[in-house]
Structures are given as structure tokens and as C-alpha cells.
Amino acid sequence: MKIIILLIILSLIVALGFLSAFFWAVRDGQFDDDVSPAMRILFDDDQPENNKNTTTTKS
């Protein structure tokens, strides 16, 4: 019976930890911009910088 009480207390501590981390992330601004990450996938990028100036050699 003591182990059940211990597990309940530990689960409440973990849940409060996750809840406080969530509130900290909201207050810190992690969820402010929810439009641009979804729109970023729609824009077609040009060639990456390292592939623009590649030269081919003939053997």
C-alpha cells in the first residue's frame, strides 16, 4: 500500500514538472509564431549555397 502512495506522489511531481515547463515555454514565447513554420515548407528554396559554385571535371 505504501508503494501506491509513493507512486502517486511521484506521478504528481512529474506532472507538475511538465506543467511548469509548459507554462515556462508559453511565457518565454515558444508558441508565439505558429504561422511561419507551416508556411516555410511551401516556399521553394533555390540550390543550396555549397552547390551553386561546383565545377565538373572531365576525365
PDB file of N, CA and C in Angstrom:
ATOM      1  N   MET A   1       0.824  -1.190   0.000  1.00  0.00           N
ATOM      2  CA  MET A   1       0.000   0.000   0.000  1.00  0.00           C
ATOM      3  C   MET A   1       0.871   1.259   0.000  1.00  0.00           C
ATOM      4  N   LYS A   2       2.025   1.180   0.643  1.00  0.00           N
ATOM      5  CA  LYS A   2       2.913   2.337   0.693  1.00  0.00           C
ATOM      6  C   LYS A   2       3.482   2.661  -0.680  1.00  0.00           C
ATOM      7  N   ILE A   3       3.696   1.644  -1.490  1.00  0.00           N
ATOM      8  CA  ILE A   3       4.251   1.880  -2.827  1.00  0.00           C
ATOM      9  C   ILE A   3       3.258   2.619  -3.717  1.00  0.00           C
ATOM     10  N   ILE A   4       1.966   2.367  -3.554  1.00  0.00           N
ATOM     11  CA  ILE A   4       0.956   3.071  -4.353  1.00  0.00           C
ATOM     12  C   ILE A   4       0.955   4.555  -4.004  1.00  0.00           C
ATOM     13  N   ILE A   5       1.058   4.872  -2.732  1.00  0.00           N
ATOM     14  CA  ILE A   5       1.101   6.276  -2.318  1.00  0.00           C
ATOM     15  C   ILE A   5       2.370   6.937  -2.843  1.00  0.00           C
ATOM     16  N   LEU A   6       3.469   6.215  -2.786  1.00  0.00           N
ATOM     17  CA  LEU A   6       4.730   6.743  -3.312  1.00  0.00           C
ATOM     18  C   LEU A   6       4.635   6.994  -4.819  1.00  0.00           C
ATOM     19  N   LEU A   7       4.046   6.066  -5.554  1.00  0.00           N
ATOM     20  CA  LEU A   7       3.901   6.236  -6.995  1.00  0.00           C
ATOM     21  C   LEU A   7       2.965   7.393  -7.341  1.00  0.00           C
ATOM     22  N   ILE A   8       1.916   7.580  -6.565  1.00  0.00           N
ATOM     23  CA  ILE A   8       1.009   8.702  -6.804  1.00  0.00           C
ATOM     24  C   ILE A   8       1.729  10.018  -6.570  1.00  0.00           C
ATOM     25  N   ILE A   9       2.502  10.093  -5.515  1.00  0.00           N
ATOM     26  CA  ILE A   9       3.248  11.316  -5.218  1.00  0.00           C
ATOM     27  C   ILE A   9       4.286  11.602  -6.308  1.00  0.00           C
ATOM     28  N   LEU A  10       4.991  10.567  -6.745  1.00  0.00           N
ATOM     29  CA  LEU A  10       5.976  10.750  -7.808  1.00  0.00           C
ATOM     30  C   LEU A  10       5.321  11.161  -9.123  1.00  0.00           C
ATOM     31  N   SER A  11       4.175  10.599  -9.444  1.00  0.00           N
ATOM     32  CA  SER A  11       3.499  10.974 -10.684  1.00  0.00           C
ATOM     33  C   SER A  11       2.979  12.402 -10.617  1.00  0.00           C
ATOM     34  N   LEU A  12       2.546  12.847  -9.452  1.00  0.00           N
ATOM     35  CA  LEU A  12       2.114  14.231  -9.310  1.00  0.00           C
ATOM     36  C   LEU A  12       3.292  15.196  -9.440  1.00  0.00           C
ATOM     37  N   ILE A  13       4.447  14.812  -8.923  1.00  0.00           N
ATOM     38  CA  ILE A  13       5.636  15.652  -9.057  1.00  0.00           C
ATOM     39  C   ILE A  13       6.051  15.760 -10.525  1.00  0.00           C
ATOM     40  N   VAL A  14       6.026  14.647 -11.242  1.00  0.00           N
ATOM     41  CA  VAL A  14       6.379  14.659 -12.660  1.00  0.00           C
ATOM     42  C   VAL A  14       5.364  15.479 -13.454  1.00  0.00           C
ATOM     43  N   ALA A  15       4.084  15.322 -13.153  1.00  0.00           N
ATOM     44  CA  ALA A  15       3.053  16.077 -13.856  1.00  0.00           C
ATOM     45  C   ALA A  15       3.199  17.574 -13.597  1.00  0.00           C
ATOM     46  N   LEU A  16       3.500  17.953 -12.372  1.00  0.00           N
ATOM     47  CA  LEU A  16       3.707  19.371 -12.069  1.00  0.00           C
ATOM     48  C   LEU A  16       4.970  19.900 -12.762  1.00  0.00           C
ATOM     49  N   GLY A  17       5.964  19.061 -12.913  1.00  0.00           N
ATOM     50  CA  GLY A  17       7.160  19.459 -13.651  1.00  0.00           C
ATOM     51  C   GLY A  17       6.856  19.736 -15.114  1.00  0.00           C
ATOM     52  N   PHE A  18       6.091  18.850 -15.743  1.00  0.00           N
ATOM     53  CA  PHE A  18       5.712  19.072 -17.140  1.00  0.00           C
ATOM     54  C   PHE A  18       4.806  20.292 -17.285  1.00  0.00           C
ATOM     55  N   LEU A  19       3.911  20.491 -16.352  1.00  0.00           N
ATOM     56  CA  LEU A  19       3.022  21.652 -16.401  1.00  0.00           C
ATOM     57  C   LEU A  19       3.808  22.949 -16.235  1.00  0.00           C
ATOM     58  N   SER A  20       4.756  22.962 -15.327  1.00  0.00           N
ATOM     59  CA  SER A  20       5.565  24.166 -15.154  1.00  0.00           C
ATOM     60  C   SER A  20       6.457  24.416 -16.371  1.00  0.00           C
ATOM     61  N   ALA A  21       6.976  23.366 -16.997  1.00  0.00           N
ATOM     62  CA  ALA A  21       7.767  23.534 -18.225  1.00  0.00           C
ATOM     63  C   ALA A  21       6.905  24.086 -19.354  1.00  0.00           C
ATOM     64  N   PHE A  22       5.668  23.648 -19.444  1.00  0.00           N
ATOM     65  CA  PHE A  22       4.754  24.163 -20.463  1.00  0.00           C
ATOM     66  C   PHE A  22       4.461  25.636 -20.241  1.00  0.00           C
ATOM     67  N   PHE A  23       4.164  26.020 -18.999  1.00  0.00           N
ATOM     68  CA  PHE A  23       3.888  27.426 -18.716  1.00  0.00           C
ATOM     69  C   PHE A  23       5.129  28.286 -18.939  1.00  0.00           C
ATOM     70  N   TRP A  24       6.311  27.754 -18.631  1.00  0.00           N
ATOM     71  CA  TRP A  24       7.544  28.484 -18.878  1.00  0.00           C
ATOM     72  C   TRP A  24       7.754  28.706 -20.380  1.00  0.00           C
ATOM     73  N   ALA A  25       7.458  27.691 -21.186  1.00  0.00           N
ATOM     74  CA  ALA A  25       7.619  27.815 -22.635  1.00  0.00           C
ATOM     75  C   ALA A  25       6.622  28.803 -23.214  1.00  0.00           C
ATOM     76  N   VAL A  26       5.402  28.812 -22.710  1.00  0.00           N
ATOM     77  CA  VAL A  26       4.402  29.766 -23.196  1.00  0.00           C
ATOM     78  C   VAL A  26       4.812  31.183 -22.820  1.00  0.00           C
ATOM     79  N   ARG A  27       5.265  31.365 -21.608  1.00  0.00           N
ATOM     80  CA  ARG A  27       5.664  32.693 -21.153  1.00  0.00           C
ATOM     81  C   ARG A  27       6.922  33.169 -21.867  1.00  0.00           C
ATOM     82  N   ASP A  28       7.792  32.239 -22.244  1.00  0.00           N
ATOM     83  CA  ASP A  28       9.041  32.582 -22.911  1.00  0.00           C
ATOM     84  C   ASP A  28       8.836  32.896 -24.389  1.00  0.00           C
ATOM     85  N   GLY A  29       7.666  32.588 -24.949  1.00  0.00           N
ATOM     86  CA  GLY A  29       7.370  32.929 -26.330  1.00  0.00           C
ATOM     87  C   GLY A  29       7.596  31.811 -27.319  1.00  0.00           C
ATOM     88  N   GLN A  30       7.631  30.581 -26.881  1.00  0.00           N
ATOM     89  CA  GLN A  30       7.870  29.468 -27.791  1.00  0.00           C
ATOM     90  C   GLN A  30       6.717  29.256 -28.768  1.00  0.00           C
ATOM     91  N   PHE A  31       5.521  29.653 -28.395  1.00  0.00           N
ATOM     92  CA  PHE A  31       4.344  29.385 -29.214  1.00  0.00           C
ATOM     93  C   PHE A  31       3.758  30.653 -29.812  1.00  0.00           C
ATOM     94  N   ASP A  32       4.554  31.721 -29.921  1.00  0.00           N
ATOM     95  CA  ASP A  32       4.044  32.986 -30.457  1.00  0.00           C
ATOM     96  C   ASP A  32       3.806  32.923 -31.952  1.00  0.00           C
ATOM     97  N   ASP A  33       4.755  32.409 -32.693  1.00  0.00           N
ATOM     98  CA  ASP A  33       4.657  32.409 -34.149  1.00  0.00           C
ATOM     99  C   ASP A  33       4.278  31.012 -34.633  1.00  0.00           C
ATOM    100  N   ASP A  34       3.007  30.817 -34.894  1.00  0.00           N
ATOM    101  CA  ASP A  34       2.566  29.495 -35.336  1.00  0.00           C
ATOM    102  C   ASP A  34       2.217  29.465 -36.819  1.00  0.00           C
ATOM    103  N   VAL A  35       2.415  30.575 -37.538  1.00  0.00           N
ATOM    104  CA  VAL A  35       2.067  30.622 -38.948  1.00  0.00           C
ATOM    105  C   VAL A  35       3.284  30.358 -39.835  1.00  0.00           C
ATOM    106  N   SER A  36       4.409  31.000 -39.550  1.00  0.00           N
ATOM    107  CA  SER A  36       5.540  30.908 -40.469  1.00  0.00           C
ATOM    108  C   SER A  36       6.168  29.517 -40.561  1.00  0.00           C
ATOM    109  N   PRO A  37       6.251  28.705 -39.504  1.00  0.00           N
ATOM    110  CA  PRO A  37       6.792  27.363 -39.719  1.00  0.00           C
ATOM    111  C   PRO A  37       5.934  26.525 -40.662  1.00  0.00           C
ATOM    112  N   ALA A  38       4.633  26.727 -40.633  1.00  0.00           N
ATOM    113  CA  ALA A  38       3.773  25.977 -41.543  1.00  0.00           C
ATOM    114  C   ALA A  38       3.882  26.497 -42.968  1.00  0.00           C
ATOM    115  N   MET A  39       4.152  27.792 -43.133  1.00  0.00           N
ATOM    116  CA  MET A  39       4.259  28.367 -44.468  1.00  0.00           C
ATOM    117  C   MET A  39       5.646  28.162 -45.074  1.00  0.00           C
ATOM    118  N   ARG A  40       6.646  27.943 -44.246  1.00  0.00           N
ATOM    119  CA  ARG A  40       8.017  27.804 -44.733  1.00  0.00           C
ATOM    120  C   ARG A  40       8.170  26.612 -45.665  1.00  0.00           C
ATOM    121  N   ILE A  41       7.402  25.567 -45.455  1.00  0.00           N
ATOM    122  CA  ILE A  41       7.511  24.372 -46.287  1.00  0.00           C
ATOM    123  C   ILE A  41       6.989  24.635 -47.704  1.00  0.00           C
ATOM    124  N   LEU A  42       6.148  25.651 -47.861  1.00  0.00           N
ATOM    125  CA  LEU A  42       5.565  25.922 -49.165  1.00  0.00           C
ATOM    126  C   LEU A  42       6.504  26.675 -50.095  1.00  0.00           C
ATOM    127  N   PHE A  43       7.491  27.355 -49.548  1.00  0.00           N
ATOM    128  CA  PHE A  43       8.405  28.129 -50.368  1.00  0.00           C
ATOM    129  C   PHE A  43       9.494  27.222 -50.911  1.00  0.00           C
ATOM    130  N   ASP A  44       9.729  27.325 -52.215  1.00  0.00           N
ATOM    131  CA  ASP A  44      10.733  26.504 -52.864  1.00  0.00           C
ATOM    132  C   ASP A  44      12.086  27.189 -52.740  1.00  0.00           C
ATOM    133  N   ASP A  45      13.031  26.523 -52.127  1.00  0.00           N
ATOM    134  CA  ASP A  45      14.371  27.081 -51.983  1.00  0.00           C
ATOM    135  C   ASP A  45      15.148  26.878 -53.276  1.00  0.00           C
ATOM    136  N   ASP A  46      16.034  27.824 -53.543  1.00  0.00           N
ATOM    137  CA  ASP A  46      16.949  27.646 -54.655  1.00  0.00           C
ATOM    138  C   ASP A  46      17.988  26.614 -54.255  1.00  0.00           C
ATOM    139  N   GLN A  47      18.974  26.432 -55.104  1.00  0.00           N
ATOM    140  CA  GLN A  47      20.020  25.476 -54.775  1.00  0.00           C
ATOM    141  C   GLN A  47      20.733  25.929 -53.510  1.00  0.00           C
ATOM    142  N   PRO A  48      21.174  25.015 -52.701  1.00  0.00           N
ATOM    143  CA  PRO A  48      21.936  25.381 -51.504  1.00  0.00           C
ATOM    144  C   PRO A  48      23.222  26.115 -51.877  1.00  0.00           C
ATOM    145  N   GLU A  49      23.753  26.879 -50.948  1.00  0.00           N
ATOM    146  CA  GLU A  49      24.943  27.690 -51.200  1.00  0.00           C
ATOM    147  C   GLU A  49      26.143  26.858 -51.630  1.00  0.00           C
ATOM    148  N   ASN A  50      26.322  25.686 -51.061  1.00  0.00           N
ATOM    149  CA  ASN A  50      27.515  24.898 -51.381  1.00  0.00           C
ATOM    150  C   ASN A  50      27.423  24.229 -52.754  1.00  0.00           C
ATOM    151  N   ASN A  51      26.248  24.162 -53.385  1.00  0.00           N
ATOM    152  CA  ASN A  51      26.118  23.517 -54.693  1.00  0.00           C
ATOM    153  C   ASN A  51      26.076  24.522 -55.836  1.00  0.00           C
ATOM    154  N   LYS A  52      26.066  25.815 -55.566  1.00  0.00           N
ATOM    155  CA  LYS A  52      25.962  26.807 -56.631  1.00  0.00           C
ATOM    156  C   LYS A  52      27.254  26.928 -57.434  1.00  0.00           C
ATOM    157  N   ASN A  53      28.376  26.801 -56.801  1.00  0.00           N
ATOM    158  CA  ASN A  53      29.651  27.050 -57.482  1.00  0.00           C
ATOM    159  C   ASN A  53      30.450  25.763 -57.686  1.00  0.00           C
ATOM    160  N   THR A  54      29.792  24.689 -57.946  1.00  0.00           N
ATOM    161  CA  THR A  54      30.518  23.437 -58.167  1.00  0.00           C
ATOM    162  C   THR A  54      30.951  23.357 -59.629  1.00  0.00           C
ATOM    163  N   THR A  55      32.110  22.821 -59.849  1.00  0.00           N
ATOM    164  CA  THR A  55      32.621  22.643 -61.212  1.00  0.00           C
ATOM    165  C   THR A  55      32.769  21.159 -61.468  1.00  0.00           C
ATOM    166  N   THR A  56      32.542  20.791 -62.689  1.00  0.00           N
ATOM    167  CA  THR A  56      32.706  19.392 -63.072  1.00  0.00           C
ATOM    168  C   THR A  56      34.018  19.251 -63.838  1.00  0.00           C
ATOM    169  N   THR A  57      34.701  18.183 -63.614  1.00  0.00           N
ATOM    170  CA  THR A  57      35.944  17.928 -64.321  1.00  0.00           C
ATOM    171  C   THR A  57      35.742  16.749 -65.247  1.00  0.00           C
ATOM    172  N   LYS A  58      36.356  16.848 -66.409  1.00  0.00           N
ATOM    173  CA  LYS A  58      36.273  15.751 -67.372  1.00  0.00           C
ATOM    174  C   LYS A  58      37.465  14.827 -67.175  1.00  0.00           C
ATOM    175  N   SER A  59      37.228  13.540 -67.247  1.00  0.00           N
ATOM    176  CA  SER A  59      38.319  12.593 -67.076  1.00  0.00           C
ATOM    177  C   SER A  59      38.837  12.128 -68.403  1.00  0.00           C
TER     178      SER A  59
END
